């Protein structure tokens, strides 16, 4: 099964579900190690653990330090941007993020600034003005660290693209992760030459989602699970292209040999790959996988490109 090489660019390992906590109720033991073993067996080669606040970014770094194949982001999610002001000293909060990013880079673990961006679907958590202010501020972080950006855009394409346009020379590249926007949103983002789009189960829900995804060139795409969220459900339009399945059980009947029903995990990034290749009508899933892998290395692991990804690509070209 593991002949494919995949990188899952978005896993929320700091989420309580990976500690066995669901809505405050403890259902099973913490099981990141078990989840990782399943991922490696499925052909996942590396995982980027998402940080969405200063505290969560610290935790993401600690998790990333437990395995050579784990990496992480440092940043503040749009819905959590109140934390800059609530800290009492927004500038110190920024400096703390900067210090953490530098520490994580020295350890070879922090590969992006994020998750940051704009989310106008959830303004009840943070106003648009605060979101915009601290989205812009995090470009300073990207510039100071020379890191790419791990971005979030929900129902905010116009303001998001305006801020990216203003700051496009301040970051080395980026991915708008968990992309669920319209064809127009897609084309706006693709007009930035160093922007990639991250596709997961939420990007493959409806027939319209699939059509929008079809218009993202494979050369500008990355794949992710955004676990424990965004799994591909039986009711989703993309499901008919899924080939790989794993046994699952309800959380109350936890068994480490099975997935937890309704909890997404990184091994399932393989299903995202299958839907992308299937709906686009691309027969050679290895080639699709290799292109996506190369894209991800270009942005997040540039130091590897010369060796791993290019060898992988030339190997494929010889066998075509």
C-alpha atoms as a PDB file:
ATOM      1  CA  UNK A   1       0.000   0.000   0.000  1.00  0.00           C
ATOM      2  CA  UNK A   2       2.770   2.455   0.837  1.00  0.00           C
ATOM      3  CA  UNK A   3       4.423   2.850  -2.569  1.00  0.00           C
ATOM      4  CA  UNK A   4       3.003   6.400  -2.764  1.00  0.00           C
ATOM      5  CA  UNK A   5       4.785   9.199  -0.881  1.00  0.00           C
ATOM      6  CA  UNK A   6       2.516  11.846   0.577  1.00  0.00           C
ATOM      7  CA  UNK A   7       2.865  14.838   2.880  1.00  0.00           C
ATOM      8  CA  UNK A   8      -0.161  15.844   4.957  1.00  0.00           C
ATOM      9  CA  UNK A   9       0.259  19.608   5.314  1.00  0.00           C
ATOM     10  CA  UNK A  10      -2.444  20.105   7.965  1.00  0.00           C
ATOM     11  CA  UNK A  11      -2.967  18.011  11.084  1.00  0.00           C
ATOM     12  CA  UNK A  12      -4.388  19.445  14.318  1.00  0.00           C
ATOM     13  CA  UNK A  13      -2.576  17.123  16.715  1.00  0.00           C
ATOM     14  CA  UNK A  14      -3.119  19.637  19.525  1.00  0.00           C
ATOM     15  CA  UNK A  15      -6.864  18.890  19.349  1.00  0.00           C
ATOM     16  CA  UNK A  16      -8.386  17.067  22.313  1.00  0.00           C
ATOM     17  CA  UNK A  17      -9.692  14.235  20.131  1.00  0.00           C
ATOM     18  CA  UNK A  18      -6.127  12.941  19.791  1.00  0.00           C
ATOM     19  CA  UNK A  19      -6.005  12.841  23.585  1.00  0.00           C
ATOM     20  CA  UNK A  20      -9.255  10.842  23.635  1.00  0.00           C
ATOM     21  CA  UNK A  21     -11.372  13.860  24.648  1.00  0.00           C
ATOM     22  CA  UNK A  22     -14.680  14.490  22.854  1.00  0.00           C
ATOM     23  CA  UNK A  23     -16.846  17.398  24.058  1.00  0.00           C
ATOM     24  CA  UNK A  24     -15.083  17.226  27.427  1.00  0.00           C
ATOM     25  CA  UNK A  25     -15.683  13.485  27.825  1.00  0.00           C
ATOM     26  CA  UNK A  26     -12.750  11.093  27.950  1.00  0.00           C
ATOM     27  CA  UNK A  27     -13.417   8.182  25.564  1.00  0.00           C
ATOM     28  CA  UNK A  28     -10.000   6.592  25.065  1.00  0.00           C
ATOM     29  CA  UNK A  29      -6.283   6.913  25.762  1.00  0.00           C
ATOM     30  CA  UNK A  30      -4.174   9.527  23.924  1.00  0.00           C
ATOM     31  CA  UNK A  31      -3.199   7.826  20.685  1.00  0.00           C
ATOM     32  CA  UNK A  32      -1.022  10.056  18.487  1.00  0.00           C
ATOM     33  CA  UNK A  33       1.604   7.266  18.272  1.00  0.00           C
ATOM     34  CA  UNK A  34      -0.988   4.794  16.943  1.00  0.00           C
ATOM     35  CA  UNK A  35      -2.357   7.378  14.495  1.00  0.00           C
ATOM     36  CA  UNK A  36       1.185   8.084  13.245  1.00  0.00           C
ATOM     37  CA  UNK A  37       1.944   4.413  12.681  1.00  0.00           C
ATOM     38  CA  UNK A  38      -1.163   4.149  10.496  1.00  0.00           C
ATOM     39  CA  UNK A  39      -0.097   7.234   8.567  1.00  0.00           C
ATOM     40  CA  UNK A  40       3.450   5.996   7.908  1.00  0.00           C
ATOM     41  CA  UNK A  41       2.064   2.608   6.780  1.00  0.00           C
ATOM     42  CA  UNK A  42      -0.271   4.352   4.313  1.00  0.00           C
ATOM     43  CA  UNK A  43       2.622   6.155   2.631  1.00  0.00           C
ATOM     44  CA  UNK A  44       2.578   9.456   4.523  1.00  0.00           C
ATOM     45  CA  UNK A  45       6.167  10.626   4.641  1.00  0.00           C
ATOM     46  CA  UNK A  46       5.842  13.822   6.710  1.00  0.00           C
ATOM     47  CA  UNK A  47       3.179  15.765   8.545  1.00  0.00           C
ATOM     48  CA  UNK A  48       2.882  19.457   9.343  1.00  0.00           C
ATOM     49  CA  UNK A  49       1.221  20.017  12.727  1.00  0.00           C
ATOM     50  CA  UNK A  50      -0.885  23.180  12.793  1.00  0.00           C
ATOM     51  CA  UNK A  51      -0.395  25.932  15.372  1.00  0.00           C
ATOM     52  CA  UNK A  52      -3.337  28.332  15.754  1.00  0.00           C
ATOM     53  CA  UNK A  53      -2.351  30.444  18.771  1.00  0.00           C
ATOM     54  CA  UNK A  54       0.848  31.176  20.703  1.00  0.00           C
ATOM     55  CA  UNK A  55       0.062  28.436  23.225  1.00  0.00           C
ATOM     56  CA  UNK A  56      -1.015  25.936  20.594  1.00  0.00           C
ATOM     57  CA  UNK A  57       2.085  26.682  18.500  1.00  0.00           C
ATOM     58  CA  UNK A  58       4.227  25.821  21.556  1.00  0.00           C
ATOM     59  CA  UNK A  59       2.353  22.543  21.885  1.00  0.00           C
ATOM     60  CA  UNK A  60       2.647  21.856  18.128  1.00  0.00           C
ATOM     61  CA  UNK A  61       6.416  22.311  18.372  1.00  0.00           C
ATOM     62  CA  UNK A  62       6.627  19.946  21.348  1.00  0.00           C
ATOM     63  CA  UNK A  63       4.666  17.323  19.376  1.00  0.00           C
ATOM     64  CA  UNK A  64       6.837  17.857  16.281  1.00  0.00           C
ATOM     65  CA  UNK A  65       9.949  17.189  18.365  1.00  0.00           C
ATOM     66  CA  UNK A  66       8.765  13.630  19.089  1.00  0.00           C
ATOM     67  CA  UNK A  67       9.385  12.316  15.540  1.00  0.00           C
ATOM     68  CA  UNK A  68      11.765  13.204  12.719  1.00  0.00           C
ATOM     69  CA  UNK A  69       8.907  13.220  10.214  1.00  0.00           C
ATOM     70  CA  UNK A  70       6.820  15.807  12.094  1.00  0.00           C
ATOM     71  CA  UNK A  71       7.060  19.558  11.505  1.00  0.00           C
ATOM     72  CA  UNK A  72       4.884  22.496  12.562  1.00  0.00           C
ATOM     73  CA  UNK A  73       3.681  26.049  12.020  1.00  0.00           C
ATOM     74  CA  UNK A  74       3.770  29.039  14.382  1.00  0.00           C
ATOM     75  CA  UNK A  75       1.038  31.652  14.148  1.00  0.00           C
ATOM     76  CA  UNK A  76      -2.387  32.859  15.187  1.00  0.00           C
ATOM     77  CA  UNK A  77      -5.612  31.733  13.502  1.00  0.00           C
ATOM     78  CA  UNK A  78      -7.966  34.549  12.443  1.00  0.00           C
ATOM     79  CA  UNK A  79     -10.632  33.523  14.972  1.00  0.00           C
ATOM     80  CA  UNK A  80      -8.043  33.708  17.800  1.00  0.00           C
ATOM     81  CA  UNK A  81      -6.508  37.096  16.965  1.00  0.00           C
ATOM     82  CA  UNK A  82      -8.066  38.703  20.037  1.00  0.00           C
ATOM     83  CA  UNK A  83      -5.220  37.067  21.946  1.00  0.00           C
ATOM     84  CA  UNK A  84      -2.827  39.800  20.736  1.00  0.00           C
ATOM     85  CA  UNK A  85      -4.830  42.488  22.562  1.00  0.00           C
ATOM     86  CA  UNK A  86      -5.959  40.276  25.433  1.00  0.00           C
ATOM     87  CA  UNK A  87      -2.313  39.569  26.247  1.00  0.00           C
ATOM     88  CA  UNK A  88      -2.122  43.214  27.384  1.00  0.00           C
ATOM     89  CA  UNK A  89       0.912  43.844  25.168  1.00  0.00           C
ATOM     90  CA  UNK A  90       0.370  43.030  21.477  1.00  0.00           C
ATOM     91  CA  UNK A  91       3.979  43.847  20.584  1.00  0.00           C
ATOM     92  CA  UNK A  92       5.327  41.470  23.228  1.00  0.00           C
ATOM     93  CA  UNK A  93       2.886  38.811  21.988  1.00  0.00           C
ATOM     94  CA  UNK A  94       4.324  39.270  18.492  1.00  0.00           C
ATOM     95  CA  UNK A  95       7.887  39.018  19.867  1.00  0.00           C
ATOM     96  CA  UNK A  96       6.967  35.797  21.717  1.00  0.00           C
ATOM     97  CA  UNK A  97       5.718  34.314  18.432  1.00  0.00           C
ATOM     98  CA  UNK A  98       8.924  35.450  16.725  1.00  0.00           C
ATOM     99  CA  UNK A  99      11.105  33.863  19.440  1.00  0.00           C
ATOM    100  CA  UNK A 100       9.143  30.613  19.246  1.00  0.00           C
ATOM    101  CA  UNK A 101       9.440  30.536  15.446  1.00  0.00           C
ATOM    102  CA  UNK A 102      13.201  31.131  15.647  1.00  0.00           C
ATOM    103  CA  UNK A 103      13.626  28.432  18.300  1.00  0.00           C
ATOM    104  CA  UNK A 104      11.608  25.991  16.187  1.00  0.00           C
ATOM    105  CA  UNK A 105      13.612  26.833  13.064  1.00  0.00           C
ATOM    106  CA  UNK A 106      16.874  26.176  14.883  1.00  0.00           C
ATOM    107  CA  UNK A 107      15.461  22.770  15.809  1.00  0.00           C
ATOM    108  CA  UNK A 108      14.601  22.172  12.131  1.00  0.00           C
ATOM    109  CA  UNK A 109      10.903  21.917  12.981  1.00  0.00           C
ATOM    110  CA  UNK A 110       9.051  25.150  12.172  1.00  0.00           C
ATOM    111  CA  UNK A 111       8.386  25.297   8.421  1.00  0.00           C
ATOM    112  CA  UNK A 112       5.731  28.040   8.130  1.00  0.00           C
ATOM    113  CA  UNK A 113       4.047  31.025   9.753  1.00  0.00           C
ATOM    114  CA  UNK A 114       0.375  30.277  10.375  1.00  0.00           C
ATOM    115  CA  UNK A 115      -2.296  29.301  10.552  1.00  0.00           C
ATOM    116  CA  UNK A 116      -3.197  32.894   9.768  1.00  0.00           C
ATOM    117  CA  UNK A 117      -5.608  34.721   7.490  1.00  0.00           C
ATOM    118  CA  UNK A 118      -9.237  35.855   7.530  1.00  0.00           C
ATOM    119  CA  UNK A 119     -12.428  34.042   8.490  1.00  0.00           C
ATOM    120  CA  UNK A 120     -15.618  36.074   8.007  1.00  0.00           C
ATOM    121  CA  UNK A 121     -17.825  33.036   8.640  1.00  0.00           C
ATOM    122  CA  UNK A 122     -16.942  33.193  12.324  1.00  0.00           C
ATOM    123  CA  UNK A 123     -16.874  36.875  13.206  1.00  0.00           C
ATOM    124  CA  UNK A 124     -18.516  36.023  16.534  1.00  0.00           C
ATOM    125  CA  UNK A 125     -15.039  34.956  17.727  1.00  0.00           C
ATOM    126  CA  UNK A 126     -13.091  37.921  16.393  1.00  0.00           C
ATOM    127  CA  UNK A 127     -14.052  41.071  14.500  1.00  0.00           C
ATOM    128  CA  UNK A 128     -12.975  41.666  10.897  1.00  0.00           C
ATOM    129  CA  UNK A 129     -10.878  44.699  11.906  1.00  0.00           C
ATOM    130  CA  UNK A 130      -8.837  42.774  14.484  1.00  0.00           C
ATOM    131  CA  UNK A 131      -8.464  39.852  12.051  1.00  0.00           C
ATOM    132  CA  UNK A 132      -7.151  42.143   9.301  1.00  0.00           C
ATOM    133  CA  UNK A 133      -4.770  43.969  11.627  1.00  0.00           C
ATOM    134  CA  UNK A 134      -3.100  40.805  12.893  1.00  0.00           C
ATOM    135  CA  UNK A 135      -3.171  38.973   9.576  1.00  0.00           C
ATOM    136  CA  UNK A 136      -1.110  41.853   8.209  1.00  0.00           C
ATOM    137  CA  UNK A 137       1.135  41.757  11.278  1.00  0.00           C
ATOM    138  CA  UNK A 138       1.981  38.104  10.661  1.00  0.00           C
ATOM    139  CA  UNK A 139       3.512  39.000   7.291  1.00  0.00           C
ATOM    140  CA  UNK A 140       6.167  40.785   9.374  1.00  0.00           C
ATOM    141  CA  UNK A 141       6.785  37.442  11.044  1.00  0.00           C
ATOM    142  CA  UNK A 142       7.126  35.704   7.665  1.00  0.00           C
ATOM    143  CA  UNK A 143       9.481  38.418   6.467  1.00  0.00           C
ATOM    144  CA  UNK A 144      11.618  38.357   9.614  1.00  0.00           C
ATOM    145  CA  UNK A 145      11.953  34.553   9.554  1.00  0.00           C
ATOM    146  CA  UNK A 146      12.004  34.125   5.752  1.00  0.00           C
ATOM    147  CA  UNK A 147       9.374  31.388   6.155  1.00  0.00           C
ATOM    148  CA  UNK A 148       6.432  30.586   3.864  1.00  0.00           C
ATOM    149  CA  UNK A 149       2.860  31.072   5.082  1.00  0.00           C
ATOM    150  CA  UNK A 150       0.156  28.607   5.998  1.00  0.00           C
ATOM    151  CA  UNK A 151      -3.038  30.516   5.268  1.00  0.00           C
ATOM    152  CA  UNK A 152      -6.740  30.401   6.072  1.00  0.00           C
ATOM    153  CA  UNK A 153      -9.361  32.131   3.913  1.00  0.00           C
ATOM    154  CA  UNK A 154     -13.053  31.674   4.631  1.00  0.00           C
ATOM    155  CA  UNK A 155     -15.742  33.929   3.111  1.00  0.00           C
ATOM    156  CA  UNK A 156     -13.201  36.765   2.911  1.00  0.00           C
ATOM    157  CA  UNK A 157     -11.586  36.523  -0.516  1.00  0.00           C
ATOM    158  CA  UNK A 158     -11.612  40.219  -1.341  1.00  0.00           C
ATOM    159  CA  UNK A 159      -9.949  41.490   1.851  1.00  0.00           C
ATOM    160  CA  UNK A 160      -7.658  38.460   1.983  1.00  0.00           C
ATOM    161  CA  UNK A 161      -6.348  38.994  -1.554  1.00  0.00           C
ATOM    162  CA  UNK A 162      -5.943  42.716  -0.953  1.00  0.00           C
ATOM    163  CA  UNK A 163      -3.736  42.049   2.099  1.00  0.00           C
ATOM    164  CA  UNK A 164      -1.741  39.345   0.267  1.00  0.00           C
ATOM    165  CA  UNK A 165      -1.255  41.701  -2.698  1.00  0.00           C
ATOM    166  CA  UNK A 166       0.052  44.427  -0.382  1.00  0.00           C
ATOM    167  CA  UNK A 167       2.476  42.002   1.254  1.00  0.00           C
ATOM    168  CA  UNK A 168       3.385  39.736  -1.641  1.00  0.00           C
ATOM    169  CA  UNK A 169       7.069  40.621  -1.447  1.00  0.00           C
ATOM    170  CA  UNK A 170       7.251  39.863   2.259  1.00  0.00           C
ATOM    171  CA  UNK A 171       6.819  36.086   2.119  1.00  0.00           C
ATOM    172  CA  UNK A 172       8.529  33.326   0.171  1.00  0.00           C
ATOM    173  CA  UNK A 173       5.397  31.346  -0.761  1.00  0.00           C
ATOM    174  CA  UNK A 174       2.297  29.939   0.822  1.00  0.00           C
ATOM    175  CA  UNK A 175      -0.709  27.686   0.780  1.00  0.00           C
ATOM    176  CA  UNK A 176      -4.339  28.705   1.251  1.00  0.00           C
ATOM    177  CA  UNK A 177      -5.227  25.575   3.151  1.00  0.00           C
ATOM    178  CA  UNK A 178      -8.586  23.808   3.371  1.00  0.00           C
ATOM    179  CA  UNK A 179      -9.760  25.640   0.269  1.00  0.00           C
ATOM    180  CA  UNK A 180     -13.551  25.655  -0.130  1.00  0.00           C
ATOM    181  CA  UNK A 181     -14.057  28.841  -2.141  1.00  0.00           C
ATOM    182  CA  UNK A 182     -15.650  29.582  -5.509  1.00  0.00           C
ATOM    183  CA  UNK A 183     -14.040  29.334  -8.949  1.00  0.00           C
ATOM    184  CA  UNK A 184     -13.528  33.104  -8.754  1.00  0.00           C
ATOM    185  CA  UNK A 185     -11.792  32.805  -5.354  1.00  0.00           C
ATOM    186  CA  UNK A 186      -9.625  30.026  -6.776  1.00  0.00           C
ATOM    187  CA  UNK A 187      -8.548  32.103  -9.742  1.00  0.00           C
ATOM    188  CA  UNK A 188      -7.830  35.138  -7.557  1.00  0.00           C
ATOM    189  CA  UNK A 189      -5.533  33.058  -5.358  1.00  0.00           C
ATOM    190  CA  UNK A 190      -3.838  31.387  -8.319  1.00  0.00           C
ATOM    191  CA  UNK A 191      -3.031  34.831  -9.728  1.00  0.00           C
ATOM    192  CA  UNK A 192      -0.381  35.085  -6.970  1.00  0.00           C
ATOM    193  CA  UNK A 193       2.435  33.095  -8.508  1.00  0.00           C
ATOM    194  CA  UNK A 194       3.734  31.646  -5.252  1.00  0.00           C
ATOM    195  CA  UNK A 195       0.358  30.640  -3.827  1.00  0.00           C
ATOM    196  CA  UNK A 196      -0.764  27.014  -3.644  1.00  0.00           C
ATOM    197  CA  UNK A 197      -4.182  25.653  -2.661  1.00  0.00           C
ATOM    198  CA  UNK A 198      -4.623  22.975   0.000  1.00  0.00           C
ATOM    199  CA  UNK A 199      -7.349  20.425  -0.671  1.00  0.00           C
ATOM    200  CA  UNK A 200      -9.038  18.195   1.940  1.00  0.00           C
ATOM    201  CA  UNK A 201     -12.400  16.469   2.491  1.00  0.00           C
ATOM    202  CA  UNK A 202     -14.168  19.836   2.911  1.00  0.00           C
ATOM    203  CA  UNK A 203     -12.903  20.831  -0.548  1.00  0.00           C
ATOM    204  CA  UNK A 204     -14.565  17.730  -2.062  1.00  0.00           C
ATOM    205  CA  UNK A 205     -18.075  17.786  -0.520  1.00  0.00           C
ATOM    206  CA  UNK A 206     -20.326  18.934  -3.339  1.00  0.00           C
ATOM    207  CA  UNK A 207     -20.410  18.626  -7.123  1.00  0.00           C
ATOM    208  CA  UNK A 208     -19.571  22.331  -7.277  1.00  0.00           C
ATOM    209  CA  UNK A 209     -16.575  21.849  -4.933  1.00  0.00           C
ATOM    210  CA  UNK A 210     -15.301  19.094  -7.228  1.00  0.00           C
ATOM    211  CA  UNK A 211     -15.623  21.308 -10.304  1.00  0.00           C
ATOM    212  CA  UNK A 212     -13.715  24.109  -8.578  1.00  0.00           C
ATOM    213  CA  UNK A 213     -11.021  21.634  -7.492  1.00  0.00           C
ATOM    214  CA  UNK A 214     -10.742  20.330 -11.067  1.00  0.00           C
ATOM    215  CA  UNK A 215      -9.663  23.826 -12.122  1.00  0.00           C
ATOM    216  CA  UNK A 216      -6.712  23.881  -9.691  1.00  0.00           C
ATOM    217  CA  UNK A 217      -3.663  22.721 -11.656  1.00  0.00           C
ATOM    218  CA  UNK A 218      -1.975  19.782  -9.871  1.00  0.00           C
ATOM    219  CA  UNK A 219       1.227  21.894 -10.027  1.00  0.00           C
ATOM    220  CA  UNK A 220      -0.427  24.449  -7.697  1.00  0.00           C
ATOM    221  CA  UNK A 221      -2.057  22.053  -5.246  1.00  0.00           C
ATOM    222  CA  UNK A 222      -1.188  20.373  -1.943  1.00  0.00           C
ATOM    223  CA  UNK A 223      -3.183  17.731  -0.052  1.00  0.00           C
ATOM    224  CA  UNK A 224      -4.138  17.590   3.605  1.00  0.00           C
ATOM    225  CA  UNK A 225      -6.589  16.088   6.048  1.00  0.00           C
ATOM    226  CA  UNK A 226      -7.017  18.989   8.533  1.00  0.00           C
ATOM    227  CA  UNK A 227      -7.655  16.111  10.948  1.00  0.00           C
ATOM    228  CA  UNK A 228      -9.477  15.473  13.196  1.00  0.00           C
ATOM    229  CA  UNK A 229     -11.894  17.506  11.004  1.00  0.00           C
ATOM    230  CA  UNK A 230     -12.784  17.553   7.291  1.00  0.00           C
ATOM    231  CA  UNK A 231     -13.012  13.812   6.607  1.00  0.00           C
ATOM    232  CA  UNK A 232     -14.617  12.600   3.389  1.00  0.00           C
ATOM    233  CA  UNK A 233     -18.080  11.384   4.377  1.00  0.00           C
ATOM    234  CA  UNK A 234     -20.288   8.856   2.580  1.00  0.00           C
ATOM    235  CA  UNK A 235     -22.668  11.660   1.615  1.00  0.00           C
ATOM    236  CA  UNK A 236     -19.920  13.696  -0.093  1.00  0.00           C
ATOM    237  CA  UNK A 237     -19.704  13.973  -3.867  1.00  0.00           C
ATOM    238  CA  UNK A 238     -16.033  12.972  -3.779  1.00  0.00           C
ATOM    239  CA  UNK A 239     -16.706   9.663  -2.025  1.00  0.00           C
ATOM    240  CA  UNK A 240     -17.265   7.692  -5.215  1.00  0.00           C
ATOM    241  CA  UNK A 241     -13.607   8.202  -6.183  1.00  0.00           C
ATOM    242  CA  UNK A 242     -12.272   6.830  -2.874  1.00  0.00           C
ATOM    243  CA  UNK A 243     -10.533   3.455  -3.179  1.00  0.00           C
ATOM    244  CA  UNK A 244      -8.737   2.990   0.165  1.00  0.00           C
ATOM    245  CA  UNK A 245     -10.707   2.272   3.314  1.00  0.00           C
ATOM    246  CA  UNK A 246      -9.856   1.473   6.923  1.00  0.00           C
ATOM    247  CA  UNK A 247     -12.029  -0.261   9.518  1.00  0.00           C
ATOM    248  CA  UNK A 248     -13.547   2.175  12.037  1.00  0.00           C
ATOM    249  CA  UNK A 249     -15.341   1.909  15.361  1.00  0.00           C
ATOM    250  CA  UNK A 250     -17.287   4.364  17.506  1.00  0.00           C
ATOM    251  CA  UNK A 251     -15.168   6.229  20.047  1.00  0.00           C
ATOM    252  CA  UNK A 252     -16.990   4.432  22.878  1.00  0.00           C
ATOM    253  CA  UNK A 253     -15.742   1.117  21.472  1.00  0.00           C
ATOM    254  CA  UNK A 254     -12.194   2.338  20.890  1.00  0.00           C
ATOM    255  CA  UNK A 255      -9.809  -0.191  19.432  1.00  0.00           C
ATOM    256  CA  UNK A 256      -6.343   0.899  18.326  1.00  0.00           C
ATOM    257  CA  UNK A 257      -6.490  -1.304  15.228  1.00  0.00           C
ATOM    258  CA  UNK A 258      -9.419   0.788  13.924  1.00  0.00           C
ATOM    259  CA  UNK A 259     -10.035   4.429  13.125  1.00  0.00           C
ATOM    260  CA  UNK A 260     -12.418   6.329  15.378  1.00  0.00           C
ATOM    261  CA  UNK A 261     -15.648   6.840  13.415  1.00  0.00           C
ATOM    262  CA  UNK A 262     -16.006  10.510  12.482  1.00  0.00           C
ATOM    263  CA  UNK A 263     -12.450  11.456  13.530  1.00  0.00           C
ATOM    264  CA  UNK A 264     -10.255  12.217  10.552  1.00  0.00           C
ATOM    265  CA  UNK A 265      -6.591  11.244  10.696  1.00  0.00           C
ATOM    266  CA  UNK A 266      -3.536  11.604   8.445  1.00  0.00           C
ATOM    267  CA  UNK A 267      -3.608   8.121   6.838  1.00  0.00           C
ATOM    268  CA  UNK A 268      -6.800   9.328   5.109  1.00  0.00           C
ATOM    269  CA  UNK A 269      -4.878  11.930   3.106  1.00  0.00           C
ATOM    270  CA  UNK A 270      -4.570   9.028   0.671  1.00  0.00           C
ATOM    271  CA  UNK A 271      -8.330   9.294   0.023  1.00  0.00           C
ATOM    272  CA  UNK A 272      -7.925  12.989  -0.826  1.00  0.00           C
ATOM    273  CA  UNK A 273      -5.261  12.026  -3.353  1.00  0.00           C
ATOM    274  CA  UNK A 274      -7.593   9.384  -4.830  1.00  0.00           C
ATOM    275  CA  UNK A 275     -10.449  11.868  -5.255  1.00  0.00           C
ATOM    276  CA  UNK A 276      -8.179  14.495  -6.841  1.00  0.00           C
ATOM    277  CA  UNK A 277      -6.729  11.993  -9.329  1.00  0.00           C
ATOM    278  CA  UNK A 278     -10.094  10.297  -9.926  1.00  0.00           C
ATOM    279  CA  UNK A 279     -12.165  13.409 -10.561  1.00  0.00           C
ATOM    280  CA  UNK A 280      -9.476  14.987 -12.720  1.00  0.00           C
ATOM    281  CA  UNK A 281      -9.332  11.744 -14.716  1.00  0.00           C
ATOM    282  CA  UNK A 282      -5.590  11.322 -14.126  1.00  0.00           C
ATOM    283  CA  UNK A 283      -4.771   7.638 -14.430  1.00  0.00           C
ATOM    284  CA  UNK A 284      -1.264   7.695 -12.965  1.00  0.00           C
ATOM    285  CA  UNK A 285      -1.818   8.295  -9.263  1.00  0.00           C
ATOM    286  CA  UNK A 286       1.924   7.931  -8.620  1.00  0.00           C
ATOM    287  CA  UNK A 287       2.631  10.850 -10.922  1.00  0.00           C
ATOM    288  CA  UNK A 288      -0.064  12.990  -9.250  1.00  0.00           C
ATOM    289  CA  UNK A 289       1.316  12.065  -5.849  1.00  0.00           C
ATOM    290  CA  UNK A 290       4.852  12.888  -6.917  1.00  0.00           C
ATOM    291  CA  UNK A 291       3.845  16.326  -8.268  1.00  0.00           C
ATOM    292  CA  UNK A 292       1.971  17.179  -5.045  1.00  0.00           C
ATOM    293  CA  UNK A 293       4.972  16.008  -3.009  1.00  0.00           C
ATOM    294  CA  UNK A 294       7.302  18.169  -5.084  1.00  0.00           C
ATOM    295  CA  UNK A 295       5.036  21.230  -4.644  1.00  0.00           C
ATOM    296  CA  UNK A 296       5.041  20.751  -0.882  1.00  0.00           C
ATOM    297  CA  UNK A 297       8.813  20.409  -0.748  1.00  0.00           C
ATOM    298  CA  UNK A 298       9.238  23.509  -2.907  1.00  0.00           C
ATOM    299  CA  UNK A 299       7.377  25.634  -0.404  1.00  0.00           C
ATOM    300  CA  UNK A 300       7.963  24.015   2.985  1.00  0.00           C
ATOM    301  CA  UNK A 301      11.082  21.846   2.582  1.00  0.00           C
ATOM    302  CA  UNK A 302      13.181  23.661  -0.037  1.00  0.00           C
ATOM    303  CA  UNK A 303      16.407  22.204   1.383  1.00  0.00           C
ATOM    304  CA  UNK A 304      15.269  18.728   0.264  1.00  0.00           C
ATOM    305  CA  UNK A 305      14.293  19.553  -3.224  1.00  0.00           C
ATOM    306  CA  UNK A 306      17.607  18.969  -4.873  1.00  0.00           C
ATOM    307  CA  UNK A 307      17.945  15.549  -3.374  1.00  0.00           C
ATOM    308  CA  UNK A 308      14.635  13.817  -2.690  1.00  0.00           C
ATOM    309  CA  UNK A 309      11.994  15.382  -4.887  1.00  0.00           C
ATOM    310  CA  UNK A 310      14.128  15.761  -8.002  1.00  0.00           C
ATOM    311  CA  UNK A 311      15.362  12.175  -7.775  1.00  0.00           C
ATOM    312  CA  UNK A 312      11.735  11.144  -7.410  1.00  0.00           C
ATOM    313  CA  UNK A 313      10.697  13.141 -10.466  1.00  0.00           C
ATOM    314  CA  UNK A 314      13.563  12.008 -12.709  1.00  0.00           C
ATOM    315  CA  UNK A 315      12.893   8.419 -11.650  1.00  0.00           C
ATOM    316  CA  UNK A 316       9.280   8.795 -12.803  1.00  0.00           C
ATOM    317  CA  UNK A 317      10.283  10.446 -16.057  1.00  0.00           C
ATOM    318  CA  UNK A 318      12.522   7.508 -16.932  1.00  0.00           C
ATOM    319  CA  UNK A 319       9.739   4.995 -16.316  1.00  0.00           C
ATOM    320  CA  UNK A 320       6.989   6.938 -18.161  1.00  0.00           C
END
